[in-house]
Amino acid sequence: MEYSITKFKQNMEKYKFNLKKMYGQNFIMDENTINNIVYGSNIDKDTLVIEIGPGAGSLTYKLALVAKNVICYEIDTTLKEMLKENLSDLNNVEIIFKDFLKVNVLNDIKKYDYKKLFVVANLPYYITTPIIVKFIEEDIPVDKIVVMVQKEVGNRFKAKPNTKEYNSLSVYLNCYFDVKKILDISKNVFIPKPNVDSIVVEFAKKNNIYKLKDSNLFLNLVKDSFTQKRKNLRNNLKGYNLTKIEEILKKYNFDLNARAEQLSIDIFVDIANNL
């Protein structure tokens, strides 16, 4: 596959393809950046890779060279011919033209033989969280998720307590995954160029996932705790058993005057499991 802006623009004209803002389409064209993403993902020939939103196939091509198989989900059917041309010399790529949030992933991966399941994707902000939550809620046996997102969003994913980025999503995702940054990406490597720089974040499945008695209760508790970040837990959790919550908080030298951003995942888990 040829990596150049000129070639991409020629293909756009050839296949009468127009970039669609509604899908958050920003295609990465820089080969060195793509190589760094693939290298940082540690994919090998035992790995089945799921890519969401392959676009023109620039990342897909490099993934297929190192993975056993690649399954791509693409919502934009007008990319069919361009993807067909760009990936024509590969025999280990399957492209499914469906909305990823509506597919049965477990059913789609049944026919593949693999030892590790990775997700690698360049995702627009609005769909990033629903996609990651889908893997959790549908119990898809993913070992690692590597996503390229806006820098501000990526910083929230990996945020720690007592930082301004730390929020309910930070707690929820870090309950299931170890989250870390792989690399920063300049906005200049995309077509069209977005307004902000991006970051590649890795979600590696925790070896010892927190044992939750009720995952829905945990999620609601965390969301409610952060409803108004400037207010304390006493105000945000009025609908809960505050006496019980304060009893647990005292174990960690906190009380109901504490704010959610001060609490670690362990404390939220302890509270949820004892309500």
Protein backbone atom coordinates (compact mmCIF):
# COMPACT_ATOMS: atom_id res chain seq x y z
CA MET A 1 0.00 0.00 0.00
CA GLU A 2 1.28 3.45 -0.89
CA TYR A 3 1.34 5.93 1.99
CA SER A 4 0.95 9.41 0.57
CA ILE A 5 -1.53 12.24 0.68
CA THR A 6 -1.41 12.47 -3.11
CA LYS A 7 -2.38 8.81 -3.54
CA PHE A 8 -5.18 9.14 -1.02
CA LYS A 9 -6.62 12.17 -2.78
CA GLN A 10 -6.39 10.34 -6.11
CA ASN A 11 -8.35 7.44 -4.61
CA MET A 12 -10.95 9.82 -3.19
CA GLU A 13 -11.52 11.16 -6.69
CA LYS A 14 -11.37 7.72 -8.30
CA TYR A 15 -13.99 6.21 -6.00
CA LYS A 16 -15.97 9.43 -5.53
CA PHE A 17 -15.40 9.26 -1.80
CA ASN A 18 -16.08 12.21 0.50
CA LEU A 19 -14.93 12.47 4.12
CA LYS A 20 -17.90 12.46 6.48
CA LYS A 21 -17.91 14.61 9.58
CA MET A 22 -20.80 12.57 11.03
CA TYR A 23 -18.45 9.59 11.39
CA GLY A 24 -15.60 11.65 12.81
CA GLN A 25 -13.36 10.61 9.90
CA ASN A 26 -9.75 11.70 10.31
CA PHE A 27 -7.52 9.30 8.39
CA ILE A 28 -3.91 8.81 9.43
CA MET A 29 -1.48 8.98 6.52
CA ASP A 30 2.00 8.98 8.11
CA GLU A 31 3.70 5.60 7.73
CA ASN A 32 6.20 6.15 10.56
CA THR A 33 3.43 6.97 13.01
CA ILE A 34 1.48 3.88 11.95
CA ASN A 35 4.58 1.72 12.40
CA ASN A 36 5.03 3.12 15.92
CA ILE A 37 1.43 2.27 16.82
CA VAL A 38 1.74 -1.29 15.51
CA TYR A 39 5.13 -1.81 17.18
CA GLY A 40 3.83 -0.40 20.47
CA SER A 41 0.86 -2.80 20.38
CA ASN A 42 3.13 -5.90 20.53
CA ILE A 43 1.06 -7.88 18.03
CA ASP A 44 2.36 -11.25 16.80
CA LYS A 45 1.27 -14.25 14.72
CA ASP A 46 -0.81 -15.63 17.60
CA THR A 47 -2.94 -12.47 17.68
CA LEU A 48 -6.40 -11.86 16.27
CA VAL A 49 -6.84 -8.11 15.87
CA ILE A 50 -10.15 -6.28 15.78
CA GLU A 51 -9.94 -2.88 14.11
CA ILE A 52 -12.87 -0.49 14.37
CA GLY A 53 -13.06 2.09 11.61
CA PRO A 54 -10.28 1.07 9.20
CA GLY A 55 -10.94 4.08 6.98
CA ALA A 56 -8.71 3.80 3.92
CA GLY A 57 -6.83 0.83 5.40
CA SER A 58 -3.52 2.52 6.21
CA LEU A 59 -3.33 1.06 9.74
CA THR A 60 -5.08 -2.15 8.67
CA TYR A 61 -2.34 -2.99 6.18
CA LYS A 62 0.43 -2.77 8.78
CA LEU A 63 -1.61 -4.72 11.34
CA ALA A 64 -2.18 -7.54 8.86
CA LEU A 65 1.56 -7.89 8.23
CA VAL A 66 2.23 -8.83 11.86
CA ALA A 67 -1.07 -10.35 13.08
CA LYS A 68 -2.55 -13.76 12.42
CA ASN A 69 -5.87 -12.25 11.29
CA VAL A 70 -7.54 -8.86 11.29
CA ILE A 71 -11.29 -8.26 11.49
CA CYS A 72 -12.37 -4.74 10.55
CA TYR A 73 -15.71 -3.12 11.28
CA GLU A 74 -16.53 -0.16 9.05
CA ILE A 75 -19.82 1.73 9.11
CA ASP A 76 -19.16 3.71 5.91
CA THR A 77 -19.99 1.47 2.94
CA THR A 78 -18.67 4.04 0.46
CA LEU A 79 -15.16 2.92 1.47
CA LYS A 80 -15.64 -0.60 0.06
CA GLU A 81 -13.81 -0.16 -3.23
CA MET A 82 -10.95 1.88 -1.79
CA LEU A 83 -10.35 -0.70 0.94
CA LYS A 84 -10.55 -3.51 -1.61
CA GLU A 85 -7.79 -1.89 -3.68
CA ASN A 86 -5.55 -0.90 -0.75
CA LEU A 87 -5.71 -4.34 0.89
CA SER A 88 -5.81 -6.44 -2.29
CA ASP A 89 -2.53 -8.29 -1.65
CA LEU A 90 -3.54 -9.48 1.85
CA ASN A 91 -5.37 -12.73 2.61
CA ASN A 92 -5.84 -12.42 6.37
CA VAL A 93 -8.22 -9.44 6.55
CA GLU A 94 -12.01 -9.60 6.89
CA ILE A 95 -14.00 -6.40 6.54
CA ILE A 96 -17.50 -6.28 7.99
CA PHE A 97 -19.50 -3.26 6.88
CA LYS A 98 -21.66 -2.81 9.94
CA ASP A 99 -22.01 -0.52 12.94
CA PHE A 100 -19.66 -2.04 15.54
CA LEU A 101 -21.97 -1.13 18.41
CA LYS A 102 -24.71 -3.30 16.89
CA VAL A 103 -22.74 -6.43 15.97
CA ASN A 104 -22.31 -9.72 17.83
CA VAL A 105 -18.53 -9.80 18.21
CA LEU A 106 -18.48 -13.14 20.02
CA ASN A 107 -20.23 -14.72 17.06
CA ASP A 108 -17.89 -13.07 14.54
CA ILE A 109 -14.69 -14.31 16.18
CA LYS A 110 -15.87 -17.92 16.64
CA LYS A 111 -14.33 -19.14 13.38
CA TYR A 112 -10.86 -17.85 14.19
CA ASP A 113 -8.09 -19.73 15.94
CA TYR A 114 -5.95 -17.43 18.08
CA LYS A 115 -4.19 -17.14 21.43
CA LYS A 116 -4.59 -13.39 22.00
CA LEU A 117 -7.35 -10.96 21.10
CA PHE A 118 -6.35 -7.31 20.63
CA VAL A 119 -8.31 -4.26 19.56
CA VAL A 120 -6.50 -1.50 17.68
CA ALA A 121 -8.40 1.53 16.44
CA ASN A 122 -8.32 5.22 15.60
CA LEU A 123 -11.55 6.37 17.21
CA PRO A 124 -13.52 9.61 17.20
CA TYR A 125 -14.28 10.98 20.67
CA TYR A 126 -18.04 10.41 20.62
CA ILE A 127 -17.80 6.65 20.14
CA THR A 128 -14.70 5.74 22.17
CA THR A 129 -16.37 5.15 25.53
CA PRO A 130 -19.37 3.14 24.19
CA ILE A 131 -16.96 0.86 22.31
CA ILE A 132 -14.79 0.11 25.34
CA VAL A 133 -17.85 -0.37 27.54
CA LYS A 134 -19.24 -2.82 24.95
CA PHE A 135 -16.22 -5.08 25.47
CA ILE A 136 -16.77 -5.02 29.22
CA GLU A 137 -20.55 -5.50 29.25
CA GLU A 138 -20.61 -8.22 26.58
CA ASP A 139 -17.72 -10.06 28.25
CA ILE A 140 -15.67 -10.19 25.03
CA PRO A 141 -12.37 -11.92 25.91
CA VAL A 142 -10.11 -9.08 24.83
CA ASP A 143 -6.56 -9.06 26.18
CA LYS A 144 -5.66 -5.55 25.12
CA ILE A 145 -7.29 -2.48 23.60
CA VAL A 146 -5.08 0.10 21.88
CA VAL A 147 -6.93 3.24 20.85
CA MET A 148 -5.93 6.53 19.31
CA VAL A 149 -8.04 9.34 20.72
CA GLN A 150 -7.92 13.08 21.36
CA LYS A 151 -5.20 13.87 23.88
CA GLU A 152 -7.62 15.33 26.42
CA VAL A 153 -9.76 12.18 26.30
CA GLY A 154 -6.75 9.88 26.63
CA ASN A 155 -5.57 11.78 29.69
CA ARG A 156 -8.93 11.19 31.37
CA PHE A 157 -8.74 7.47 30.65
CA LYS A 158 -5.43 7.10 32.48
CA ALA A 159 -6.03 9.72 35.17
CA LYS A 160 -5.18 9.04 38.82
CA PRO A 161 -6.97 10.25 42.00
CA ASN A 162 -6.47 13.88 43.02
CA THR A 163 -5.98 15.10 39.46
CA LYS A 164 -8.37 17.32 37.51
CA GLU A 165 -8.73 14.67 34.76
CA TYR A 166 -9.86 11.94 37.19
CA ASN A 167 -13.57 11.20 36.72
CA SER A 168 -16.13 8.41 36.79
CA LEU A 169 -14.84 6.99 33.51
CA SER A 170 -11.31 6.83 34.89
CA VAL A 171 -12.56 4.76 37.82
CA TYR A 172 -14.78 2.47 35.74
CA LEU A 173 -12.19 1.66 33.06
CA ASN A 174 -9.32 1.24 35.49
CA CYS A 175 -11.40 -1.28 37.39
CA TYR A 176 -11.03 -3.67 34.45
CA PHE A 177 -7.83 -2.53 32.70
CA ASP A 178 -4.34 -1.27 33.41
CA VAL A 179 -4.22 1.94 31.40
CA LYS A 180 -1.09 3.63 30.07
CA LYS A 181 0.04 5.95 27.30
CA ILE A 182 1.96 4.44 24.36
CA LEU A 183 2.74 7.59 22.39
CA ASP A 184 1.66 11.11 21.45
CA ILE A 185 0.51 11.84 17.90
CA SER A 186 0.58 15.17 16.13
CA LYS A 187 -2.56 16.46 14.46
CA ASN A 188 -0.45 17.03 11.33
CA VAL A 189 -0.44 13.34 10.35
CA PHE A 190 -4.20 13.21 9.70
CA ILE A 191 -6.45 14.03 6.77
CA PRO A 192 -8.33 16.23 7.40
CA LYS A 193 -6.19 17.78 10.16
CA PRO A 194 -8.12 17.85 13.46
CA ASN A 195 -7.98 20.80 15.83
CA VAL A 196 -6.11 18.93 18.57
CA ASP A 197 -3.28 16.44 18.97
CA SER A 198 -3.99 12.79 19.77
CA ILE A 199 -2.66 10.15 22.11
CA VAL A 200 -2.45 6.36 21.82
CA VAL A 201 -3.64 4.66 25.00
CA GLU A 202 -3.33 0.99 25.92
CA PHE A 203 -5.93 -0.85 28.02
CA ALA A 204 -4.43 -4.16 29.18
CA LYS A 205 -6.85 -6.53 30.89
CA LYS A 206 -6.08 -6.76 34.59
CA ASN A 207 -4.83 -10.12 35.81
CA ASN A 208 -6.79 -9.68 39.02
CA ILE A 209 -9.99 -7.87 38.12
CA TYR A 210 -11.81 -6.34 41.07
CA LYS A 211 -14.54 -8.63 42.37
CA LEU A 212 -17.79 -6.70 42.20
CA LYS A 213 -20.96 -8.06 43.78
CA ASP A 214 -23.10 -5.86 41.53
CA SER A 215 -21.37 -4.19 38.57
CA ASN A 216 -24.41 -1.99 37.81
CA LEU A 217 -24.52 -0.71 41.37
CA PHE A 218 -20.79 0.02 41.19
CA LEU A 219 -21.16 1.93 37.92
CA ASN A 220 -24.11 3.98 39.22
CA LEU A 221 -22.33 4.73 42.49
CA VAL A 222 -19.26 5.99 40.67
CA LYS A 223 -21.30 8.09 38.22
CA ASP A 224 -23.34 9.64 41.04
CA SER A 225 -20.22 10.35 43.11
CA PHE A 226 -18.87 12.52 40.30
CA THR A 227 -22.22 14.14 39.35
CA GLN A 228 -21.04 17.53 40.59
CA LYS A 229 -17.27 17.37 41.01
CA ARG A 230 -17.11 20.38 43.31
CA LYS A 231 -19.61 18.93 45.74
CA ASN A 232 -18.75 16.39 48.40
CA LEU A 233 -19.97 12.81 48.67
CA ARG A 234 -22.63 13.77 51.21
CA ASN A 235 -24.33 15.92 48.57
CA ASN A 236 -23.78 13.69 45.55
CA LEU A 237 -24.85 10.44 47.23
CA LYS A 238 -28.02 11.54 49.02
CA GLY A 239 -29.93 8.59 47.58
CA TYR A 240 -27.61 6.04 49.18
CA ASN A 241 -27.09 4.72 52.71
CA LEU A 242 -24.80 7.51 53.91
CA THR A 243 -24.28 5.92 57.31
CA LYS A 244 -22.85 2.79 55.69
CA ILE A 245 -20.76 4.79 53.24
CA GLU A 246 -19.23 6.90 56.02
CA GLU A 247 -18.45 3.76 57.99
CA ILE A 248 -16.42 2.43 55.04
CA LEU A 249 -14.78 5.80 54.33
CA LYS A 250 -13.43 5.94 57.90
CA LYS A 251 -11.38 2.83 57.18
CA TYR A 252 -9.45 4.92 54.65
CA ASN A 253 -9.31 8.09 56.79
CA PHE A 254 -12.04 9.86 54.80
CA ASP A 255 -15.55 11.05 55.64
CA LEU A 256 -18.58 12.28 53.70
CA ASN A 257 -16.98 15.70 53.25
CA ALA A 258 -14.51 14.13 50.83
CA ARG A 259 -14.90 14.61 47.08
CA ALA A 260 -15.05 11.74 44.62
CA GLU A 261 -11.76 12.74 42.99
CA GLN A 262 -9.97 11.90 46.26
CA LEU A 263 -11.05 8.24 46.30
CA SER A 264 -9.16 5.36 44.69
CA ILE A 265 -10.85 2.50 42.83
CA ASP A 266 -10.37 0.23 45.86
CA ILE A 267 -12.51 2.51 48.00
CA PHE A 268 -15.31 2.72 45.45
CA VAL A 269 -15.29 -1.08 45.12
CA ASP A 270 -15.42 -1.50 48.90
CA ILE A 271 -18.36 0.90 49.19
CA ALA A 272 -20.31 -0.73 46.32
CA ASN A 273 -19.77 -4.22 47.68
CA ASN A 274 -21.09 -3.24 51.12
CA LEU A 275 -24.21 -1.32 50.17
